[in-house]
C-alpha atoms as a PDB file:
ATOM      1  CA  MET A   1       0.000   0.000   0.000  1.00  0.00           C
ATOM      2  CA  SER A   2       1.360   3.396  -0.894  1.00  0.00           C
ATOM      3  CA  GLU A   3       2.092   6.134   1.601  1.00  0.00           C
ATOM      4  CA  VAL A   4      -0.418   9.010   1.629  1.00  0.00           C
ATOM      5  CA  SER A   5       0.136  12.542   2.793  1.00  0.00           C
ATOM      6  CA  GLU A   6      -1.105  13.677   6.178  1.00  0.00           C
ATOM      7  CA  ALA A   7      -3.514  16.138   4.531  1.00  0.00           C
ATOM      8  CA  THR A   8      -5.043  13.407   2.363  1.00  0.00           C
ATOM      9  CA  ARG A   9      -5.410  11.148   5.368  1.00  0.00           C
ATOM     10  CA  HIS A  10      -7.316  13.846   7.281  1.00  0.00           C
ATOM     11  CA  VAL A  11      -9.602  14.557   4.320  1.00  0.00           C
ATOM     12  CA  MET A  12     -10.434  10.858   3.974  1.00  0.00           C
ATOM     13  CA  GLN A  13     -11.088  10.512   7.710  1.00  0.00           C
ATOM     14  CA  ALA A  14     -13.571  13.375   7.514  1.00  0.00           C
ATOM     15  CA  ASN A  15     -15.807  11.368   5.132  1.00  0.00           C
ATOM     16  CA  ARG A  16     -18.677   9.916   7.114  1.00  0.00           C
ATOM     17  CA  SER A  17     -20.804   6.916   6.296  1.00  0.00           C
ATOM     18  CA  LYS A  18     -23.715   7.799   8.579  1.00  0.00           C
ATOM     19  CA  ASN A  19     -25.692  10.982   9.155  1.00  0.00           C
ATOM     20  CA  THR A  20     -24.387  12.677   6.022  1.00  0.00           C
ATOM     21  CA  ARG A  21     -25.932  15.933   4.812  1.00  0.00           C
ATOM     22  CA  PRO A  22     -27.957  14.211   2.019  1.00  0.00           C
ATOM     23  CA  GLU A  23     -29.220  11.614   4.483  1.00  0.00           C
ATOM     24  CA  LEU A  24     -30.269  14.321   6.943  1.00  0.00           C
ATOM     25  CA  MET A  25     -32.150  16.147   4.153  1.00  0.00           C
ATOM     26  CA  VAL A  26     -34.102  12.997   3.304  1.00  0.00           C
ATOM     27  CA  ARG A  27     -34.926  12.301   6.948  1.00  0.00           C
ATOM     28  CA  GLU A  28     -36.097  15.883   7.437  1.00  0.00           C
ATOM     29  CA  ALA A  29     -38.407  15.616   4.416  1.00  0.00           C
ATOM     30  CA  LEU A  30     -39.868  12.360   5.744  1.00  0.00           C
ATOM     31  CA  ARG A  31     -40.471  13.847   9.208  1.00  0.00           C
ATOM     32  CA  THR A  32     -42.030  16.979   7.684  1.00  0.00           C
ATOM     33  CA  ALA A  33     -44.429  14.748   5.751  1.00  0.00           C
ATOM     34  CA  GLY A  34     -45.372  13.001   8.997  1.00  0.00           C
ATOM     35  CA  LEU A  35     -43.565   9.793   8.084  1.00  0.00           C
ATOM     36  CA  GLY A  36     -41.462   9.166  11.154  1.00  0.00           C
ATOM     37  CA  GLY A  37     -41.122   5.753  12.735  1.00  0.00           C
ATOM     38  CA  TYR A  38     -38.261   4.591  10.535  1.00  0.00           C
ATOM     39  CA  ARG A  39     -35.137   2.755  11.655  1.00  0.00           C
ATOM     40  CA  LEU A  40     -31.689   4.142  10.917  1.00  0.00           C
ATOM     41  CA  HIS A  41     -28.987   1.831   9.560  1.00  0.00           C
ATOM     42  CA  TRP A  42     -31.024  -1.221  10.493  1.00  0.00           C
ATOM     43  CA  ARG A  43     -28.619  -4.159  10.619  1.00  0.00           C
ATOM     44  CA  LYS A  44     -31.284  -6.824  10.218  1.00  0.00           C
ATOM     45  CA  ALA A  45     -31.761  -5.781   6.577  1.00  0.00           C
ATOM     46  CA  ALA A  46     -29.078  -6.541   3.974  1.00  0.00           C
ATOM     47  CA  GLY A  47     -26.680  -3.640   3.561  1.00  0.00           C
ATOM     48  CA  SER A  48     -27.993  -1.774   6.644  1.00  0.00           C
ATOM     49  CA  PRO A  49     -30.170   0.689   4.695  1.00  0.00           C
ATOM     50  CA  ASP A  50     -29.767   4.333   5.662  1.00  0.00           C
ATOM     51  CA  ILE A  51     -33.503   4.554   6.369  1.00  0.00           C
ATOM     52  CA  CYS A  52     -35.675   1.507   6.838  1.00  0.00           C
ATOM     53  CA  TYR A  53     -39.385   0.955   7.396  1.00  0.00           C
ATOM     54  CA  PRO A  54     -39.457  -2.733   8.417  1.00  0.00           C
ATOM     55  CA  GLY A  55     -43.267  -2.915   8.681  1.00  0.00           C
ATOM     56  CA  ARG A  56     -43.659  -1.569   5.145  1.00  0.00           C
ATOM     57  CA  ARG A  57     -40.668  -3.617   3.913  1.00  0.00           C
ATOM     58  CA  LEU A  58     -39.105  -0.462   2.496  1.00  0.00           C
ATOM     59  CA  ALA A  59     -35.352   0.145   2.478  1.00  0.00           C
ATOM     60  CA  ILE A  60     -33.999   3.564   1.471  1.00  0.00           C
ATOM     61  CA  PHE A  61     -30.366   4.049   0.505  1.00  0.00           C
ATOM     62  CA  VAL A  62     -29.071   7.620   0.223  1.00  0.00           C
ATOM     63  CA  ASN A  63     -26.035   7.275  -2.042  1.00  0.00           C
ATOM     64  CA  GLY A  64     -23.212   9.759  -2.409  1.00  0.00           C
ATOM     65  CA  CYS A  65     -22.425  10.334  -6.079  1.00  0.00           C
ATOM     66  CA  PHE A  66     -18.638  10.017  -5.726  1.00  0.00           C
ATOM     67  CA  TRP A  67     -18.451   6.835  -3.639  1.00  0.00           C
ATOM     68  CA  HIS A  68     -21.269   4.937  -5.338  1.00  0.00           C
ATOM     69  CA  ARG A  69     -20.526   6.251  -8.885  1.00  0.00           C
ATOM     70  CA  CYS A  70     -23.755   7.982  -9.776  1.00  0.00           C
ATOM     71  CA  PRO A  71     -25.039   7.165 -13.273  1.00  0.00           C
ATOM     72  CA  HIS A  72     -26.687  10.582 -13.550  1.00  0.00           C
ATOM     73  CA  CYS A  73     -23.967  13.135 -12.938  1.00  0.00           C
ATOM     74  CA  GLY A  74     -20.756  11.291 -13.874  1.00  0.00           C
ATOM     75  CA  PRO A  75     -18.595  12.182 -10.856  1.00  0.00           C
ATOM     76  CA  SER A  76     -14.908  12.956 -11.297  1.00  0.00           C
ATOM     77  CA  ARG A  77     -12.267  10.279 -10.920  1.00  0.00           C
ATOM     78  CA  PRO A  78      -9.107  10.609  -8.841  1.00  0.00           C
ATOM     79  CA  ARG A  79      -6.004  11.218 -10.954  1.00  0.00           C
ATOM     80  CA  THR A  80      -3.543   9.449  -8.679  1.00  0.00           C
ATOM     81  CA  ASN A  81      -3.495   5.810  -7.640  1.00  0.00           C
ATOM     82  CA  VAL A  82      -6.056   5.093 -10.372  1.00  0.00           C
ATOM     83  CA  GLU A  83      -5.915   1.286 -10.058  1.00  0.00           C
ATOM     84  CA  PHE A  84      -6.760   1.449  -6.366  1.00  0.00           C
ATOM     85  CA  TRP A  85      -9.717   3.778  -6.923  1.00  0.00           C
ATOM     86  CA  GLU A  86     -11.125   1.820  -9.847  1.00  0.00           C
ATOM     87  CA  ALA A  87     -11.019  -1.363  -7.746  1.00  0.00           C
ATOM     88  CA  LYS A  88     -12.571   0.468  -4.777  1.00  0.00           C
ATOM     89  CA  PHE A  89     -15.429   1.848  -6.881  1.00  0.00           C
ATOM     90  CA  ALA A  90     -16.015  -1.564  -8.474  1.00  0.00           C
ATOM     91  CA  ARG A  91     -16.243  -3.172  -5.013  1.00  0.00           C
ATOM     92  CA  ASN A  92     -18.689  -0.474  -3.868  1.00  0.00           C
ATOM     93  CA  ARG A  93     -20.925  -0.988  -6.914  1.00  0.00           C
ATOM     94  CA  ALA A  94     -20.814  -4.781  -6.543  1.00  0.00           C
ATOM     95  CA  ARG A  95     -21.669  -4.569  -2.835  1.00  0.00           C
ATOM     96  CA  ASP A  96     -24.564  -2.186  -3.554  1.00  0.00           C
ATOM     97  CA  ALA A  97     -25.949  -4.456  -6.274  1.00  0.00           C
ATOM     98  CA  SER A  98     -25.632  -7.517  -4.051  1.00  0.00           C
ATOM     99  CA  ASN A  99     -27.363  -5.916  -1.064  1.00  0.00           C
ATOM    100  CA  GLN A 100     -30.134  -4.379  -3.139  1.00  0.00           C
ATOM    101  CA  GLY A 101     -30.677  -7.602  -5.078  1.00  0.00           C
ATOM    102  CA  ARG A 102     -30.929  -9.583  -1.863  1.00  0.00           C
ATOM    103  CA  LEU A 103     -33.503  -7.174  -0.425  1.00  0.00           C
ATOM    104  CA  VAL A 104     -35.595  -7.303  -3.613  1.00  0.00           C
ATOM    105  CA  ARG A 105     -35.475 -11.120  -3.617  1.00  0.00           C
ATOM    106  CA  GLU A 106     -36.641 -11.062   0.018  1.00  0.00           C
ATOM    107  CA  GLY A 107     -39.674  -8.987  -1.016  1.00  0.00           C
ATOM    108  CA  TRP A 108     -38.496  -5.504  -0.009  1.00  0.00           C
ATOM    109  CA  THR A 109     -39.046  -2.305  -1.939  1.00  0.00           C
ATOM    110  CA  VAL A 110     -35.611  -0.759  -2.360  1.00  0.00           C
ATOM    111  CA  ALA A 111     -35.379   2.978  -3.017  1.00  0.00           C
ATOM    112  CA  VAL A 112     -32.140   4.727  -3.937  1.00  0.00           C
ATOM    113  CA  VAL A 113     -31.815   8.488  -3.595  1.00  0.00           C
ATOM    114  CA  TRP A 114     -28.710   9.914  -5.287  1.00  0.00           C
ATOM    115  CA  GLU A 115     -26.964  12.902  -3.742  1.00  0.00           C
ATOM    116  CA  CYS A 116     -27.220  14.910  -6.994  1.00  0.00           C
ATOM    117  CA  ARG A 117     -31.024  14.503  -6.918  1.00  0.00           C
ATOM    118  CA  LEU A 118     -31.036  16.479  -3.662  1.00  0.00           C
ATOM    119  CA  ARG A 119     -29.690  19.673  -5.204  1.00  0.00           C
ATOM    120  CA  GLU A 120     -31.932  22.617  -4.509  1.00  0.00           C
ATOM    121  CA  GLU A 121     -33.672  22.653  -7.905  1.00  0.00           C
ATOM    122  CA  LEU A 122     -34.312  18.867  -7.975  1.00  0.00           C
ATOM    123  CA  ARG A 123     -35.036  18.218  -4.288  1.00  0.00           C
ATOM    124  CA  PRO A 124     -38.771  19.085  -4.189  1.00  0.00           C
ATOM    125  CA  ARG A 125     -39.647  16.624  -6.960  1.00  0.00           C
ATOM    126  CA  ALA A 126     -37.427  13.888  -5.533  1.00  0.00           C
ATOM    127  CA  MET A 127     -38.821  14.272  -2.017  1.00  0.00           C
ATOM    128  CA  GLU A 128     -42.389  14.343  -3.327  1.00  0.00           C
ATOM    129  CA  GLU A 129     -41.696  11.090  -5.168  1.00  0.00           C
ATOM    130  CA  LEU A 130     -40.116   9.502  -2.076  1.00  0.00           C
ATOM    131  CA  VAL A 131     -42.970  10.532   0.216  1.00  0.00           C
ATOM    132  CA  ALA A 132     -45.478   9.088  -2.271  1.00  0.00           C
ATOM    133  CA  LEU A 133     -43.487   5.833  -2.377  1.00  0.00           C
ATOM    134  CA  VAL A 134     -43.382   5.543   1.425  1.00  0.00           C
ATOM    135  CA  ARG A 135     -47.130   6.159   1.645  1.00  0.00           C
ATOM    136  CA  SER A 136     -47.852   3.641  -1.119  1.00  0.00           C
ATOM    137  CA  CYS A 137     -45.837   0.980   0.719  1.00  0.00           C
ATOM    138  CA  GLU A 138     -48.110   1.478   3.725  1.00  0.00           C
ATOM    139  CA  THR A 139     -51.302   0.730   1.827  1.00  0.00           C
ATOM    140  CA  THR A 140     -50.207  -1.448  -1.094  1.00  0.00           C
ATOM    141  CA  ARG A 141     -48.061  -4.549  -0.819  1.00  0.00           C
ATOM    142  CA  GLN A 142     -45.853  -4.597  -3.899  1.00  0.00           C
ATOM    143  CA  PHE A 143     -43.109  -7.067  -3.184  1.00  0.00           C
ATOM    144  CA  GLY A 144     -39.623  -7.047  -4.554  1.00  0.00           C
ATOM    145  CA  ARG A 145     -39.072  -3.888  -6.534  1.00  0.00           C
ATOM    146  CA  PHE A 146     -36.297  -1.364  -7.066  1.00  0.00           C
ATOM    147  CA  VAL A 147     -36.978   2.382  -7.426  1.00  0.00           C
ATOM    148  CA  GLU A 148     -34.554   5.206  -8.207  1.00  0.00           C
ATOM    149  CA  ILE A 149     -35.974   8.359  -6.685  1.00  0.00           C
ATOM    150  CA  GLY A 150     -35.859  11.456  -8.876  1.00  0.00           C
ATOM    151  CA  SER A 151     -34.468   9.595 -11.857  1.00  0.00           C
ATOM    152  CA  MET A 152     -35.098  10.682 -15.401  1.00  0.00           C
ATOM    153  CA  ARG A 153     -37.623   9.084 -17.679  1.00  0.00           C
ATOM    154  CA  PRO A 154     -36.200   5.967 -19.404  1.00  0.00           C
ATOM    155  CA  TRP A 155     -35.651   7.568 -22.829  1.00  0.00           C
ATOM    156  CA  ARG A 156     -33.935  10.602 -21.301  1.00  0.00           C
ATOM    157  CA  LEU A 157     -31.794   8.373 -19.105  1.00  0.00           C
ATOM    158  CA  ARG A 158     -30.672   6.353 -22.147  1.00  0.00           C
ATOM    159  CA  VAL A 159     -29.645   9.524 -23.988  1.00  0.00           C
ATOM    160  CA  THR A 160     -27.744  10.739 -20.917  1.00  0.00           C
ATOM    161  CA  TYR A 161     -25.911   7.399 -20.534  1.00  0.00           C
ATOM    162  CA  GLU A 162     -24.903   7.517 -24.197  1.00  0.00           C
ATOM    163  CA  ARG A 163     -23.605  11.089 -23.825  1.00  0.00           C
ATOM    164  CA  LEU A 164     -21.588  10.147 -20.735  1.00  0.00           C
ATOM    165  CA  ALA A 165     -20.143   7.081 -22.485  1.00  0.00           C
ATOM    166  CA  ARG A 166     -19.025   9.200 -25.463  1.00  0.00           C
ATOM    167  CA  ALA A 167     -17.434  11.738 -23.113  1.00  0.00           C
ATOM    168  CA  ARG A 168     -15.519   9.008 -21.248  1.00  0.00           C
ATOM    169  CA  ARG A 169     -14.160   7.545 -24.504  1.00  0.00           C
ATOM    170  CA  ARG A 170     -12.558  10.885 -25.439  1.00  0.00           C
END
């Protein structure tokens, strides 16, 4: 393992996995909508979802764009130690897919909220969609599904993916 500078070490230590700003925004929106009663980082569910409603079988993951490699905004890549970072990001994506797949197979509704979808101009729509999903899980039992909160319509998403792929090839 390569030696890292003291400054880099401190920056990396400052990254938190729990109670991040995006996660706090989502929790605030849920409380404001009167949807408390969730569990935080519930270990009994695969992947310890950031927010979990066990009775509704709803698991909510609030993903940071950089660490989980957001498909929407194309986060930057570190320029040094590239092999390490590529392997790290691949492990993160594989772990996410495994945990989410397991929850879906067990009959959970899995919702993913990306950090970029919580920007000021996109947040109201995303939170409205999340609140509607939480309420629908209370009344309707739809087992084993995956939902990306605030995501684009499928045709727009395809066009965006193609644009990002062309930009990466350059």
